[in-house]
Amino acid sequence: MIVLRLNPTLVIFLMVTAGYVTGQLLYLYNPYLLYYLIQYNPLIIYYHFYWQLLTSIVVTPSLIDYAFNSIALYFIYYLYRGREGMKEIFIFILTGVFGNVLYLIVYPNGLPSAGASGGIFGLLAYYSLLDYLRERQSGGLIILIAALILSDSLLLPFLNINILAHIGGTISGLLLALVAYKLSERSTSL
């Protein structure tokens, strides 16, 4: 029996790629169908389209968004090599959903939003803080801060960026890293 072991960052990349292809096909066929998969807060609030909090993490019709997400995932793979295993996929999804919920709460009538950047920032925040707590390596935290500054201030005038998804993903990634660190610290002290 052959067991295929995929790197979790590669699995996330494949999810994002499938979401981009889906977004492109829907946009070509009927752009209004995208509103069933991307996050559109009035549809979530008034028509209970709760699945959009999840599907909008991977579905995007934007080539620029897909390109930036792919580059960011490559750097996360290069830096961390998916060392948390399949837990990385859970972290990506959970932090992405948290970023979307923050956007929903703050801007209930906000513009439509789509893309994986909230989950990507969550992964980067998770690994950065965990490295700092375990080994006192601050390089990841510097990269995280630089990425937040670059994406949310320098690119803001040129691109339609959901800053709250980035902030929500980052905060939830930091919180998950704290929980993981405390749990690992507790298990090693027993």
Protein backbone atom coordinates (compact mmCIF):
# COMPACT_ATOMS: atom_id res chain seq x y z
CA MET A 1 0.00 0.00 0.00
CA ILE A 2 1.37 3.40 -1.01
CA VAL A 3 0.84 6.24 1.41
CA LEU A 4 1.00 9.70 -0.09
CA ARG A 5 2.13 12.33 2.40
CA LEU A 6 1.54 15.87 1.27
CA ASN A 7 3.02 18.89 2.91
CA PRO A 8 0.15 20.83 4.57
CA THR A 9 1.29 24.11 3.00
CA LEU A 10 1.01 22.42 -0.39
CA VAL A 11 -2.51 21.25 0.50
CA ILE A 12 -3.45 24.84 1.40
CA PHE A 13 -1.94 26.03 -1.88
CA LEU A 14 -4.01 23.46 -3.76
CA MET A 15 -7.15 24.64 -1.91
CA VAL A 16 -6.39 28.25 -2.82
CA THR A 17 -5.70 27.27 -6.43
CA ALA A 18 -8.98 25.34 -6.68
CA GLY A 19 -10.73 28.37 -5.18
CA TYR A 20 -9.16 30.68 -7.74
CA VAL A 21 -10.17 28.40 -10.61
CA THR A 22 -13.70 28.21 -9.19
CA GLY A 23 -13.81 31.99 -8.87
CA GLN A 24 -12.65 32.44 -12.46
CA LEU A 25 -15.14 29.93 -13.84
CA LEU A 26 -18.03 31.48 -11.92
CA TYR A 27 -16.99 34.95 -12.98
CA LEU A 28 -16.92 33.88 -16.65
CA TYR A 29 -20.18 31.94 -16.46
CA ASN A 30 -22.24 34.27 -14.27
CA PRO A 31 -20.52 36.77 -11.94
CA TYR A 32 -23.59 36.90 -9.69
CA LEU A 33 -22.98 33.28 -8.67
CA LEU A 34 -19.81 34.44 -6.91
CA TYR A 35 -22.04 36.02 -4.27
CA TYR A 36 -22.86 32.52 -3.05
CA LEU A 37 -19.21 31.77 -2.23
CA ILE A 38 -17.44 35.04 -1.39
CA GLN A 39 -18.17 36.89 1.84
CA TYR A 40 -20.98 39.38 1.41
CA ASN A 41 -22.04 40.44 4.89
CA PRO A 42 -25.67 41.42 4.13
CA LEU A 43 -26.27 37.92 2.74
CA ILE A 44 -24.78 36.37 5.88
CA ILE A 45 -26.81 38.56 8.23
CA TYR A 46 -30.18 38.68 6.47
CA TYR A 47 -30.22 35.40 4.54
CA HIS A 48 -28.00 33.25 6.79
CA PHE A 49 -25.35 32.42 4.18
CA TYR A 50 -22.98 31.35 6.98
CA TRP A 51 -20.94 29.08 4.71
CA GLN A 52 -19.49 32.23 3.14
CA LEU A 53 -17.33 32.68 6.24
CA LEU A 54 -15.57 29.47 5.18
CA THR A 55 -15.80 29.42 1.38
CA SER A 56 -14.58 32.98 0.97
CA ILE A 57 -11.24 31.94 2.48
CA VAL A 58 -10.26 30.10 -0.67
CA VAL A 59 -12.54 31.43 -3.43
CA THR A 60 -11.32 34.53 -5.24
CA PRO A 61 -11.80 35.74 -8.80
CA SER A 62 -8.75 38.04 -8.55
CA LEU A 63 -5.48 37.04 -10.20
CA ILE A 64 -3.57 39.59 -8.11
CA ASP A 65 -5.02 38.16 -4.88
CA TYR A 66 -4.20 34.63 -6.00
CA ALA A 67 -0.64 35.64 -6.95
CA PHE A 68 0.04 37.39 -3.62
CA ASN A 69 -1.45 34.45 -1.69
CA SER A 70 0.66 31.96 -3.66
CA ILE A 71 3.85 33.93 -3.01
CA ALA A 72 3.01 34.22 0.71
CA LEU A 73 2.32 30.48 0.95
CA TYR A 74 5.65 29.76 -0.75
CA PHE A 75 7.46 31.86 1.86
CA ILE A 76 5.58 30.16 4.69
CA TYR A 77 6.57 26.79 3.22
CA TYR A 78 10.18 27.93 2.78
CA LEU A 79 10.43 29.22 6.35
CA TYR A 80 8.47 26.58 8.27
CA ARG A 81 8.17 23.51 5.99
CA GLY A 82 4.74 22.64 7.39
CA ARG A 83 6.30 21.45 10.63
CA GLU A 84 2.98 21.47 12.50
CA GLY A 85 1.70 18.79 10.14
CA MET A 86 -1.96 18.68 9.23
CA LYS A 87 -2.67 20.99 12.16
CA GLU A 88 -1.45 23.74 9.82
CA ILE A 89 -4.57 23.33 7.66
CA PHE A 90 -6.77 23.67 10.75
CA ILE A 91 -4.87 26.82 11.80
CA PHE A 92 -5.26 28.30 8.31
CA ILE A 93 -9.01 27.67 8.23
CA LEU A 94 -9.67 28.75 11.81
CA THR A 95 -7.70 31.99 11.53
CA GLY A 96 -9.27 32.74 8.15
CA VAL A 97 -12.77 32.29 9.59
CA PHE A 98 -11.86 34.44 12.59
CA GLY A 99 -10.72 37.24 10.26
CA ASN A 100 -13.98 36.97 8.32
CA VAL A 101 -16.05 37.06 11.51
CA LEU A 102 -14.20 40.19 12.64
CA TYR A 103 -15.00 41.83 9.29
CA LEU A 104 -18.65 40.77 9.64
CA ILE A 105 -18.93 42.24 13.13
CA VAL A 106 -17.18 45.54 12.37
CA TYR A 107 -18.70 46.13 8.93
CA PRO A 108 -22.05 44.34 8.72
CA ASN A 109 -22.83 46.20 5.47
CA GLY A 110 -19.28 45.93 4.15
CA LEU A 111 -18.22 45.33 0.58
CA PRO A 112 -17.84 41.76 -0.70
CA SER A 113 -14.60 40.12 0.38
CA ALA A 114 -12.70 37.04 -0.76
CA GLY A 115 -9.26 35.55 -0.42
CA ALA A 116 -6.94 33.53 1.76
CA SER A 117 -4.92 36.35 3.28
CA GLY A 118 -6.58 36.23 6.72
CA GLY A 119 -5.64 32.55 7.07
CA ILE A 120 -2.18 33.20 5.67
CA PHE A 121 -1.56 35.97 8.19
CA GLY A 122 -2.86 33.61 10.86
CA LEU A 123 -0.32 30.96 9.86
CA LEU A 124 2.51 33.46 9.77
CA ALA A 125 1.52 34.86 13.18
CA TYR A 126 1.22 31.35 14.64
CA TYR A 127 4.64 30.18 13.48
CA SER A 128 6.33 33.52 14.26
CA LEU A 129 5.15 33.69 17.85
CA LEU A 130 5.73 29.98 18.45
CA ASP A 131 9.34 30.34 17.25
CA TYR A 132 9.82 33.31 19.50
CA LEU A 133 8.35 31.58 22.56
CA ARG A 134 10.22 28.31 22.05
CA GLU A 135 13.59 29.50 20.78
CA ARG A 136 13.59 33.29 21.25
CA GLN A 137 13.94 33.77 17.50
CA SER A 138 12.48 37.13 16.56
CA GLY A 139 13.00 36.89 12.79
CA GLY A 140 9.50 35.59 12.17
CA LEU A 141 7.93 38.38 14.21
CA ILE A 142 9.86 40.95 12.18
CA ILE A 143 8.61 39.33 8.96
CA LEU A 144 5.04 39.37 10.33
CA ILE A 145 5.21 43.06 11.21
CA ALA A 146 6.77 43.90 7.84
CA ALA A 147 4.09 41.91 5.99
CA LEU A 148 1.31 43.70 7.88
CA ILE A 149 2.84 47.10 7.15
CA LEU A 150 3.48 46.33 3.48
CA SER A 151 0.12 44.78 2.72
CA ASP A 152 -2.07 47.07 4.79
CA SER A 153 -0.51 50.46 4.29
CA LEU A 154 1.69 50.55 1.20
CA LEU A 155 -0.60 48.47 -1.02
CA LEU A 156 -3.86 49.82 0.41
CA PRO A 157 -4.28 52.71 -2.03
CA PHE A 158 -3.83 50.38 -5.01
CA LEU A 159 -5.69 47.22 -4.06
CA ASN A 160 -9.00 46.39 -2.44
CA ILE A 161 -7.66 44.85 0.78
CA ASN A 162 -9.70 43.59 3.72
CA ILE A 163 -7.50 44.85 6.56
CA LEU A 164 -9.81 43.39 9.19
CA ALA A 165 -9.31 39.88 7.79
CA HIS A 166 -5.55 40.41 8.10
CA ILE A 167 -5.86 41.73 11.65
CA GLY A 168 -8.32 39.02 12.69
CA GLY A 169 -6.15 36.29 11.18
CA THR A 170 -3.08 37.69 12.89
CA ILE A 171 -4.73 38.00 16.30
CA SER A 172 -6.21 34.51 16.17
CA GLY A 173 -2.88 33.06 14.96
CA LEU A 174 -1.10 34.69 17.90
CA LEU A 175 -3.72 33.35 20.32
CA LEU A 176 -3.45 29.82 18.89
CA ALA A 177 0.34 29.99 19.23
CA LEU A 178 0.01 30.98 22.89
CA VAL A 179 -2.36 28.07 23.52
CA ALA A 180 -0.08 25.62 21.69
CA TYR A 181 2.95 26.87 23.62
CA LYS A 182 1.20 26.60 26.99
CA LEU A 183 -0.04 23.09 26.16
CA SER A 184 3.41 21.92 25.06
CA GLU A 185 5.00 23.53 28.11
CA ARG A 186 2.51 21.79 30.38
CA SER A 187 3.08 18.37 28.76
CA THR A 188 6.88 18.65 29.05
CA SER A 189 6.70 19.62 32.73
CA LEU A 190 4.68 16.52 33.66
